[in-house]
Amino acid sequence: MSLRFVEPRMSQGLPATTSCALERWCLRMELAVRGGSTLREALREATDDPDPTIRALGVATESTPRWAEGVRRWGEDGAPEVRALADGLLMLEHTGRDAAPTLHRFGVELRRTRLSAVRVAARTAPVRMLVPLVCCLLPSFVLLSIVPVAAVGLRSLGRL
């Protein structure tokens, strides 16, 4: 069983800080499950993160009498990655399978998605830098280096 993103890119508004927090949260959950905690115990221990998305999971699971309903509500309110994680947690709880490998894979997918978004941004950076280069640096270069030389040259041509 593997979790798949609904959208392969973070185009649905999941900030990079939240992606990092979810990746860190998956690691904490994985370590807690490998250490012998149940999925519910691990979730309770790992929701003390300062990220609002993860805090919302803790609030959702504590405020509802049924754990699964809180996780479902958290997934419905979030980005596709959050929905996929919530669906995976519910499936793991329902089937009783070992959660550690699935949480590990999900953390790896989050990391790959974030790095992919960073690579795309790095590829578009030169194009974005072209406008300030042409509009600001090139005119200042012309004004500071070529215009004085041309003025001196024209002045010397006028004397001949």
N, C-alpha and C. Protein backbone atom coordinates (compact mmCIF):
# COMPACT_ATOMS: atom_id res chain seq x y z
N MET A 1 0.86 -1.16 0.00
CA MET A 1 0.00 0.00 0.00
C MET A 1 0.91 1.23 0.00
N SER A 2 0.62 2.18 -0.89
CA SER A 2 1.39 3.40 -0.89
C SER A 2 0.45 4.58 -1.04
N LEU A 3 0.86 5.69 -0.48
CA LEU A 3 0.08 6.91 -0.59
C LEU A 3 0.49 7.65 -1.84
N ARG A 4 -0.44 8.18 -2.55
CA ARG A 4 -0.14 8.96 -3.74
C ARG A 4 -0.76 10.34 -3.58
N PHE A 5 -0.05 11.35 -4.04
CA PHE A 5 -0.58 12.70 -4.02
C PHE A 5 -1.72 12.82 -5.01
N VAL A 6 -2.66 13.66 -4.70
CA VAL A 6 -3.71 13.97 -5.66
C VAL A 6 -3.11 14.82 -6.77
N GLU A 7 -2.25 15.75 -6.42
CA GLU A 7 -1.54 16.59 -7.37
C GLU A 7 -0.05 16.35 -7.16
N PRO A 8 0.73 16.12 -8.23
CA PRO A 8 2.15 15.84 -8.03
C PRO A 8 2.96 17.06 -7.60
N ARG A 9 2.45 18.27 -7.82
CA ARG A 9 3.19 19.46 -7.44
C ARG A 9 2.48 20.15 -6.29
N MET A 10 3.19 21.06 -5.63
CA MET A 10 2.60 21.80 -4.53
C MET A 10 1.89 23.03 -5.06
N SER A 11 1.08 22.85 -6.10
CA SER A 11 0.44 23.99 -6.74
C SER A 11 -0.87 24.37 -6.06
N GLN A 12 -1.31 23.62 -5.11
CA GLN A 12 -2.59 23.88 -4.49
C GLN A 12 -2.47 24.77 -3.26
N GLY A 13 -1.33 25.35 -3.03
CA GLY A 13 -1.22 26.31 -1.94
C GLY A 13 -0.57 25.77 -0.68
N LEU A 14 0.07 24.62 -0.72
CA LEU A 14 0.75 24.11 0.46
C LEU A 14 2.10 24.82 0.56
N PRO A 15 2.28 25.67 1.56
CA PRO A 15 3.55 26.39 1.68
C PRO A 15 4.71 25.45 1.95
N ALA A 16 5.89 25.87 1.55
CA ALA A 16 7.08 25.03 1.75
C ALA A 16 7.32 24.77 3.24
N THR A 17 7.00 25.74 4.09
CA THR A 17 7.19 25.51 5.53
C THR A 17 6.26 24.42 6.03
N THR A 18 5.04 24.39 5.52
CA THR A 18 4.10 23.33 5.91
C THR A 18 4.56 22.00 5.37
N SER A 19 5.09 21.99 4.15
CA SER A 19 5.62 20.75 3.59
C SER A 19 6.76 20.21 4.44
N CYS A 20 7.65 21.10 4.88
CA CYS A 20 8.75 20.69 5.77
C CYS A 20 8.20 20.15 7.09
N ALA A 21 7.19 20.85 7.62
CA ALA A 21 6.60 20.42 8.89
C ALA A 21 5.92 19.07 8.74
N LEU A 22 5.22 18.83 7.63
CA LEU A 22 4.58 17.53 7.42
C LEU A 22 5.63 16.44 7.25
N GLU A 23 6.72 16.75 6.57
CA GLU A 23 7.79 15.77 6.42
C GLU A 23 8.38 15.42 7.79
N ARG A 24 8.65 16.44 8.60
CA ARG A 24 9.17 16.22 9.96
C ARG A 24 8.18 15.43 10.80
N TRP A 25 6.88 15.75 10.64
CA TRP A 25 5.83 15.07 11.39
C TRP A 25 5.77 13.59 11.00
N CYS A 26 5.89 13.30 9.69
CA CYS A 26 5.89 11.91 9.24
C CYS A 26 7.06 11.14 9.85
N LEU A 27 8.22 11.79 9.94
CA LEU A 27 9.38 11.14 10.56
C LEU A 27 9.14 10.87 12.04
N ARG A 28 8.57 11.85 12.75
CA ARG A 28 8.27 11.64 14.17
C ARG A 28 7.26 10.52 14.36
N MET A 29 6.24 10.50 13.49
CA MET A 29 5.23 9.44 13.57
C MET A 29 5.86 8.07 13.29
N GLU A 30 6.70 8.02 12.27
CA GLU A 30 7.36 6.76 11.92
C GLU A 30 8.20 6.25 13.08
N LEU A 31 8.98 7.14 13.68
CA LEU A 31 9.83 6.73 14.81
C LEU A 31 9.00 6.26 16.00
N ALA A 32 7.90 6.95 16.27
CA ALA A 32 7.04 6.56 17.39
C ALA A 32 6.40 5.20 17.13
N VAL A 33 5.96 4.96 15.89
CA VAL A 33 5.34 3.66 15.57
C VAL A 33 6.38 2.56 15.63
N ARG A 34 7.57 2.83 15.10
CA ARG A 34 8.64 1.82 15.18
C ARG A 34 9.03 1.55 16.64
N GLY A 35 8.85 2.55 17.51
CA GLY A 35 9.16 2.38 18.91
C GLY A 35 8.09 1.65 19.70
N GLY A 36 7.01 1.27 19.05
CA GLY A 36 5.98 0.48 19.72
C GLY A 36 4.69 1.20 20.02
N SER A 37 4.59 2.47 19.69
CA SER A 37 3.34 3.21 19.92
C SER A 37 2.30 2.81 18.88
N THR A 38 1.05 2.90 19.29
CA THR A 38 -0.01 2.71 18.31
C THR A 38 -0.11 3.96 17.45
N LEU A 39 -0.86 3.86 16.37
CA LEU A 39 -1.00 5.01 15.48
C LEU A 39 -1.63 6.20 16.20
N ARG A 40 -2.62 5.92 17.02
CA ARG A 40 -3.28 7.01 17.76
C ARG A 40 -2.35 7.64 18.79
N GLU A 41 -1.58 6.81 19.50
CA GLU A 41 -0.63 7.35 20.48
C GLU A 41 0.45 8.19 19.80
N ALA A 42 0.95 7.68 18.68
CA ALA A 42 1.98 8.41 17.94
C ALA A 42 1.44 9.74 17.44
N LEU A 43 0.21 9.74 16.97
CA LEU A 43 -0.41 10.97 16.49
C LEU A 43 -0.56 11.97 17.63
N ARG A 44 -0.99 11.50 18.78
CA ARG A 44 -1.16 12.39 19.93
C ARG A 44 0.18 13.00 20.35
N GLU A 45 1.26 12.21 20.29
CA GLU A 45 2.58 12.70 20.68
C GLU A 45 3.18 13.67 19.66
N ALA A 46 2.84 13.48 18.39
CA ALA A 46 3.51 14.24 17.32
C ALA A 46 2.77 15.50 16.89
N THR A 47 1.64 15.83 17.51
CA THR A 47 0.89 17.01 17.07
C THR A 47 1.23 18.26 17.86
N ASP A 48 2.36 18.30 18.55
CA ASP A 48 2.75 19.50 19.29
C ASP A 48 3.66 20.41 18.45
N ASP A 49 3.63 20.25 17.16
CA ASP A 49 4.45 21.05 16.24
C ASP A 49 3.91 22.47 16.15
N PRO A 50 4.77 23.47 15.97
CA PRO A 50 4.28 24.85 15.85
C PRO A 50 3.55 25.15 14.53
N ASP A 51 3.65 24.26 13.54
CA ASP A 51 2.98 24.50 12.26
C ASP A 51 1.47 24.41 12.45
N PRO A 52 0.71 25.37 11.91
CA PRO A 52 -0.75 25.38 12.11
C PRO A 52 -1.46 24.18 11.51
N THR A 53 -0.95 23.63 10.43
CA THR A 53 -1.59 22.46 9.82
C THR A 53 -1.53 21.26 10.75
N ILE A 54 -0.40 21.06 11.38
CA ILE A 54 -0.25 19.92 12.28
C ILE A 54 -0.99 20.17 13.59
N ARG A 55 -0.96 21.41 14.08
CA ARG A 55 -1.76 21.73 15.27
C ARG A 55 -3.23 21.50 15.00
N ALA A 56 -3.68 21.81 13.78
CA ALA A 56 -5.09 21.60 13.42
C ALA A 56 -5.45 20.12 13.49
N LEU A 57 -4.51 19.24 13.15
CA LEU A 57 -4.77 17.80 13.28
C LEU A 57 -4.97 17.43 14.73
N GLY A 58 -4.13 17.95 15.61
CA GLY A 58 -4.28 17.67 17.04
C GLY A 58 -5.60 18.18 17.57
N VAL A 59 -5.98 19.39 17.17
CA VAL A 59 -7.25 19.96 17.62
C VAL A 59 -8.42 19.14 17.08
N ALA A 60 -8.34 18.75 15.80
CA ALA A 60 -9.43 17.99 15.19
C ALA A 60 -9.63 16.63 15.86
N THR A 61 -8.52 15.96 16.20
CA THR A 61 -8.66 14.64 16.82
C THR A 61 -9.07 14.73 18.28
N GLU A 62 -8.69 15.81 18.96
CA GLU A 62 -9.06 15.96 20.37
C GLU A 62 -10.49 16.46 20.54
N SER A 63 -10.98 17.22 19.55
CA SER A 63 -12.29 17.85 19.71
C SER A 63 -13.45 16.96 19.29
N THR A 64 -13.17 15.84 18.64
CA THR A 64 -14.25 14.94 18.23
C THR A 64 -14.17 13.66 19.03
N PRO A 65 -15.30 13.06 19.33
CA PRO A 65 -15.26 11.82 20.10
C PRO A 65 -14.66 10.65 19.32
N ARG A 66 -14.81 10.67 18.00
CA ARG A 66 -14.25 9.60 17.18
C ARG A 66 -12.97 10.10 16.51
N TRP A 67 -11.90 9.39 16.71
CA TRP A 67 -10.59 9.75 16.17
C TRP A 67 -10.65 9.85 14.65
N ALA A 68 -11.26 8.88 14.02
CA ALA A 68 -11.32 8.85 12.56
C ALA A 68 -12.06 10.06 12.00
N GLU A 69 -13.09 10.51 12.68
CA GLU A 69 -13.84 11.68 12.21
C GLU A 69 -12.97 12.94 12.25
N GLY A 70 -12.16 13.09 13.28
CA GLY A 70 -11.25 14.23 13.37
C GLY A 70 -10.21 14.22 12.27
N VAL A 71 -9.64 13.04 11.97
CA VAL A 71 -8.64 12.93 10.90
C VAL A 71 -9.30 13.22 9.56
N ARG A 72 -10.50 12.70 9.35
CA ARG A 72 -11.22 12.94 8.09
C ARG A 72 -11.50 14.43 7.90
N ARG A 73 -11.95 15.09 8.96
CA ARG A 73 -12.24 16.53 8.88
C ARG A 73 -10.96 17.33 8.59
N TRP A 74 -9.86 16.94 9.21
CA TRP A 74 -8.57 17.60 8.97
C TRP A 74 -8.17 17.46 7.51
N GLY A 75 -8.35 16.26 6.95
CA GLY A 75 -7.99 16.04 5.56
C GLY A 75 -8.86 16.81 4.59
N GLU A 76 -10.14 16.96 4.91
CA GLU A 76 -11.05 17.68 4.02
C GLU A 76 -10.72 19.16 3.96
N ASP A 77 -10.18 19.71 5.04
CA ASP A 77 -9.88 21.14 5.09
C ASP A 77 -8.53 21.50 4.50
N GLY A 78 -7.72 20.50 4.14
CA GLY A 78 -6.35 20.79 3.75
C GLY A 78 -6.06 20.66 2.27
N ALA A 79 -4.80 20.84 1.94
CA ALA A 79 -4.29 20.71 0.59
C ALA A 79 -4.32 19.23 0.16
N PRO A 80 -4.09 18.94 -1.11
CA PRO A 80 -4.11 17.55 -1.57
C PRO A 80 -3.15 16.64 -0.80
N GLU A 81 -1.98 17.17 -0.44
CA GLU A 81 -1.04 16.35 0.33
C GLU A 81 -1.59 16.00 1.70
N VAL A 82 -2.27 16.95 2.32
CA VAL A 82 -2.88 16.73 3.63
C VAL A 82 -4.01 15.72 3.49
N ARG A 83 -4.80 15.85 2.44
CA ARG A 83 -5.89 14.88 2.19
C ARG A 83 -5.35 13.48 2.00
N ALA A 84 -4.26 13.36 1.22
CA ALA A 84 -3.66 12.04 0.99
C ALA A 84 -3.14 11.44 2.29
N LEU A 85 -2.52 12.27 3.12
CA LEU A 85 -2.02 11.78 4.40
C LEU A 85 -3.17 11.35 5.31
N ALA A 86 -4.24 12.14 5.36
CA ALA A 86 -5.40 11.79 6.19
C ALA A 86 -6.03 10.48 5.70
N ASP A 87 -6.18 10.34 4.39
CA ASP A 87 -6.74 9.11 3.85
C ASP A 87 -5.86 7.90 4.18
N GLY A 88 -4.54 8.11 4.09
CA GLY A 88 -3.62 7.02 4.44
C GLY A 88 -3.70 6.64 5.90
N LEU A 89 -3.80 7.64 6.78
CA LEU A 89 -3.92 7.35 8.22
C LEU A 89 -5.21 6.58 8.50
N LEU A 90 -6.28 6.99 7.86
CA LEU A 90 -7.56 6.28 8.06
C LEU A 90 -7.48 4.86 7.55
N MET A 91 -6.84 4.66 6.39
CA MET A 91 -6.70 3.32 5.84
C MET A 91 -5.84 2.45 6.74
N LEU A 92 -4.75 3.02 7.24
CA LEU A 92 -3.88 2.26 8.14
C LEU A 92 -4.60 1.89 9.42
N GLU A 93 -5.39 2.80 9.96
CA GLU A 93 -6.15 2.51 11.17
C GLU A 93 -7.19 1.43 10.90
N HIS A 94 -7.82 1.50 9.74
CA HIS A 94 -8.87 0.53 9.40
C HIS A 94 -8.30 -0.87 9.16
N THR A 95 -7.18 -0.95 8.44
CA THR A 95 -6.62 -2.26 8.12
C THR A 95 -5.73 -2.82 9.22
N GLY A 96 -5.17 -1.94 10.05
CA GLY A 96 -4.29 -2.40 11.12
C GLY A 96 -2.89 -2.74 10.65
N ARG A 97 -2.53 -2.32 9.46
CA ARG A 97 -1.19 -2.59 8.94
C ARG A 97 -0.15 -1.71 9.62
N ASP A 98 1.11 -2.10 9.48
CA ASP A 98 2.22 -1.34 10.05
C ASP A 98 2.30 0.02 9.36
N ALA A 99 2.26 1.08 10.14
CA ALA A 99 2.21 2.44 9.59
C ALA A 99 3.59 2.99 9.25
N ALA A 100 4.64 2.45 9.84
CA ALA A 100 5.98 3.04 9.68
C ALA A 100 6.43 3.10 8.22
N PRO A 101 6.34 2.03 7.43
CA PRO A 101 6.79 2.14 6.04
C PRO A 101 5.98 3.14 5.22
N THR A 102 4.69 3.19 5.45
CA THR A 102 3.85 4.12 4.71
C THR A 102 4.17 5.56 5.09
N LEU A 103 4.37 5.83 6.37
CA LEU A 103 4.74 7.18 6.80
C LEU A 103 6.10 7.58 6.25
N HIS A 104 7.01 6.62 6.19
CA HIS A 104 8.33 6.90 5.63
C HIS A 104 8.21 7.26 4.15
N ARG A 105 7.44 6.48 3.39
CA ARG A 105 7.27 6.76 1.97
C ARG A 105 6.61 8.11 1.75
N PHE A 106 5.64 8.43 2.57
CA PHE A 106 4.96 9.71 2.41
C PHE A 106 5.92 10.87 2.69
N GLY A 107 6.77 10.74 3.71
CA GLY A 107 7.77 11.77 3.99
C GLY A 107 8.74 11.94 2.84
N VAL A 108 9.14 10.82 2.23
CA VAL A 108 10.04 10.88 1.08
C VAL A 108 9.35 11.57 -0.10
N GLU A 109 8.07 11.26 -0.33
CA GLU A 109 7.33 11.92 -1.41
C GLU A 109 7.21 13.42 -1.17
N LEU A 110 6.97 13.82 0.07
CA LEU A 110 6.90 15.25 0.38
C LEU A 110 8.23 15.94 0.09
N ARG A 111 9.32 15.29 0.46
CA ARG A 111 10.65 15.85 0.21
C ARG A 111 10.90 15.98 -1.28
N ARG A 112 10.56 14.93 -2.04
CA ARG A 112 10.75 14.99 -3.50
C ARG A 112 9.91 16.08 -4.13
N THR A 113 8.68 16.22 -3.68
CA THR A 113 7.81 17.26 -4.23
C THR A 113 8.37 18.64 -3.95
N ARG A 114 8.84 18.86 -2.72
CA ARG A 114 9.40 20.16 -2.36
C ARG A 114 10.66 20.45 -3.16
N LEU A 115 11.54 19.45 -3.31
CA LEU A 115 12.76 19.65 -4.08
C LEU A 115 12.45 19.89 -5.54
N SER A 116 11.43 19.25 -6.06
CA SER A 116 11.03 19.48 -7.44
C SER A 116 10.56 20.92 -7.63
N ALA A 117 9.79 21.43 -6.67
CA ALA A 117 9.34 22.83 -6.74
C ALA A 117 10.53 23.79 -6.66
N VAL A 118 11.53 23.45 -5.86
CA VAL A 118 12.71 24.29 -5.74
C VAL A 118 13.50 24.28 -7.05
N ARG A 119 13.60 23.11 -7.68
CA ARG A 119 14.31 23.02 -8.96
C ARG A 119 13.62 23.84 -10.04
N VAL A 120 12.30 23.78 -10.07
CA VAL A 120 11.55 24.58 -11.04
C VAL A 120 11.79 26.07 -10.81
N ALA A 121 11.77 26.49 -9.55
CA ALA A 121 12.04 27.89 -9.24
C ALA A 121 13.46 28.28 -9.63
N ALA A 122 14.41 27.38 -9.44
CA ALA A 122 15.79 27.68 -9.81
C ALA A 122 15.95 27.80 -11.32
N ARG A 123 15.19 27.01 -12.08
CA ARG A 123 15.26 27.10 -13.54
C ARG A 123 14.64 28.39 -14.06
N THR A 124 13.65 28.93 -13.37
CA THR A 124 13.00 30.15 -13.85
C THR A 124 13.68 31.42 -13.33
N ALA A 125 14.62 31.29 -12.42
CA ALA A 125 15.29 32.46 -11.85
C ALA A 125 16.04 33.30 -12.89
N PRO A 126 16.79 32.70 -13.81
CA PRO A 126 17.48 33.54 -14.79
C PRO A 126 16.52 34.37 -15.66
N VAL A 127 15.38 33.81 -15.99
CA VAL A 127 14.41 34.54 -16.79
C VAL A 127 13.86 35.72 -16.00
N ARG A 128 13.59 35.51 -14.73
CA ARG A 128 13.09 36.60 -13.89
C ARG A 128 14.15 37.68 -13.67
N MET A 129 15.40 37.29 -13.66
CA MET A 129 16.47 38.27 -13.44
C MET A 129 16.77 39.07 -14.69
N LEU A 130 16.28 38.64 -15.83
CA LEU A 130 16.55 39.33 -17.08
C LEU A 130 15.93 40.73 -17.11
N VAL A 131 14.72 40.89 -16.61
CA VAL A 131 14.04 42.19 -16.63
C VAL A 131 14.80 43.22 -15.81
N PRO A 132 15.16 42.95 -14.55
CA PRO A 132 15.95 43.96 -13.82
C PRO A 132 17.31 44.23 -14.46
N LEU A 133 17.89 43.20 -15.06
CA LEU A 133 19.19 43.39 -15.72
C LEU A 133 19.06 44.37 -16.88
N VAL A 134 18.06 44.17 -17.73
CA VAL A 134 17.89 45.02 -18.90
C VAL A 134 17.39 46.41 -18.51
N CYS A 135 16.49 46.49 -17.56
CA CYS A 135 15.87 47.78 -17.21
C CYS A 135 16.71 48.62 -16.24
N CYS A 136 17.52 48.01 -15.43
CA CYS A 136 18.25 48.76 -14.39
C CYS A 136 19.76 48.76 -14.61
N LEU A 137 20.34 47.59 -14.70
CA LEU A 137 21.79 47.51 -14.76
C LEU A 137 22.35 47.98 -16.10
N LEU A 138 21.73 47.59 -17.19
CA LEU A 138 22.24 47.98 -18.50
C LEU A 138 22.18 49.49 -18.70
N PRO A 139 21.07 50.17 -18.40
CA PRO A 139 21.08 51.63 -18.53
C PRO A 139 22.08 52.32 -17.61
N SER A 140 22.24 51.82 -16.41
CA SER A 140 23.22 52.45 -15.51
C SER A 140 24.64 52.24 -16.03
N PHE A 141 24.91 51.09 -16.60
CA PHE A 141 26.23 50.85 -17.20
C PHE A 141 26.47 51.84 -18.35
N VAL A 142 25.45 52.02 -19.19
CA VAL A 142 25.59 52.95 -20.31
C VAL A 142 25.83 54.37 -19.80
N LEU A 143 25.05 54.79 -18.80
CA LEU A 143 25.18 56.15 -18.27
C LEU A 143 26.52 56.39 -17.57
N LEU A 144 27.03 55.41 -16.89
CA LEU A 144 28.25 55.61 -16.10
C LEU A 144 29.54 55.35 -16.88
N SER A 145 29.49 54.54 -17.91
CA SER A 145 30.75 54.22 -18.59
C SER A 145 30.78 54.68 -20.04
N ILE A 146 29.75 54.51 -20.79
CA ILE A 146 29.78 54.82 -22.21
C ILE A 146 29.50 56.30 -22.48
N VAL A 147 28.56 56.90 -21.79
CA VAL A 147 28.21 58.30 -22.02
C VAL A 147 29.40 59.23 -21.74
N PRO A 148 30.13 59.10 -20.63
CA PRO A 148 31.29 59.99 -20.43
C PRO A 148 32.37 59.83 -21.51
N VAL A 149 32.60 58.59 -21.94
CA VAL A 149 33.60 58.36 -22.99
C VAL A 149 33.12 58.99 -24.29
N ALA A 150 31.85 58.83 -24.61
CA ALA A 150 31.30 59.42 -25.84
C ALA A 150 31.33 60.93 -25.76
N ALA A 151 31.04 61.50 -24.60
CA ALA A 151 31.06 62.96 -24.45
C ALA A 151 32.47 63.51 -24.66
N VAL A 152 33.46 62.85 -24.10
CA VAL A 152 34.86 63.26 -24.27
C VAL A 152 35.25 63.13 -25.75
N GLY A 153 34.83 62.07 -26.38
CA GLY A 153 35.12 61.87 -27.79
C GLY A 153 34.47 62.91 -28.68
N LEU A 154 33.24 63.23 -28.41
CA LEU A 154 32.55 64.26 -29.19
C LEU A 154 33.17 65.64 -28.97
N ARG A 155 33.59 65.91 -27.74
CA ARG A 155 34.23 67.19 -27.44
C ARG A 155 35.57 67.32 -28.19
N SER A 156 36.30 66.19 -28.24
CA SER A 156 37.57 66.24 -28.94
C SER A 156 37.36 66.35 -30.45
N LEU A 157 36.29 65.78 -30.98
CA LEU A 157 35.99 65.90 -32.40
C LEU A 157 35.58 67.33 -32.74
N GLY A 158 34.93 68.00 -31.83
CA GLY A 158 34.52 69.38 -32.05
C GLY A 158 35.70 70.33 -32.11
N ARG A 159 36.80 70.02 -31.49
CA ARG A 159 37.98 70.88 -31.49
C ARG A 159 38.77 70.74 -32.78
N LEU A 160 38.63 69.61 -33.43
CA LEU A 160 39.42 69.41 -34.65
C LEU A 160 38.87 70.18 -35.75
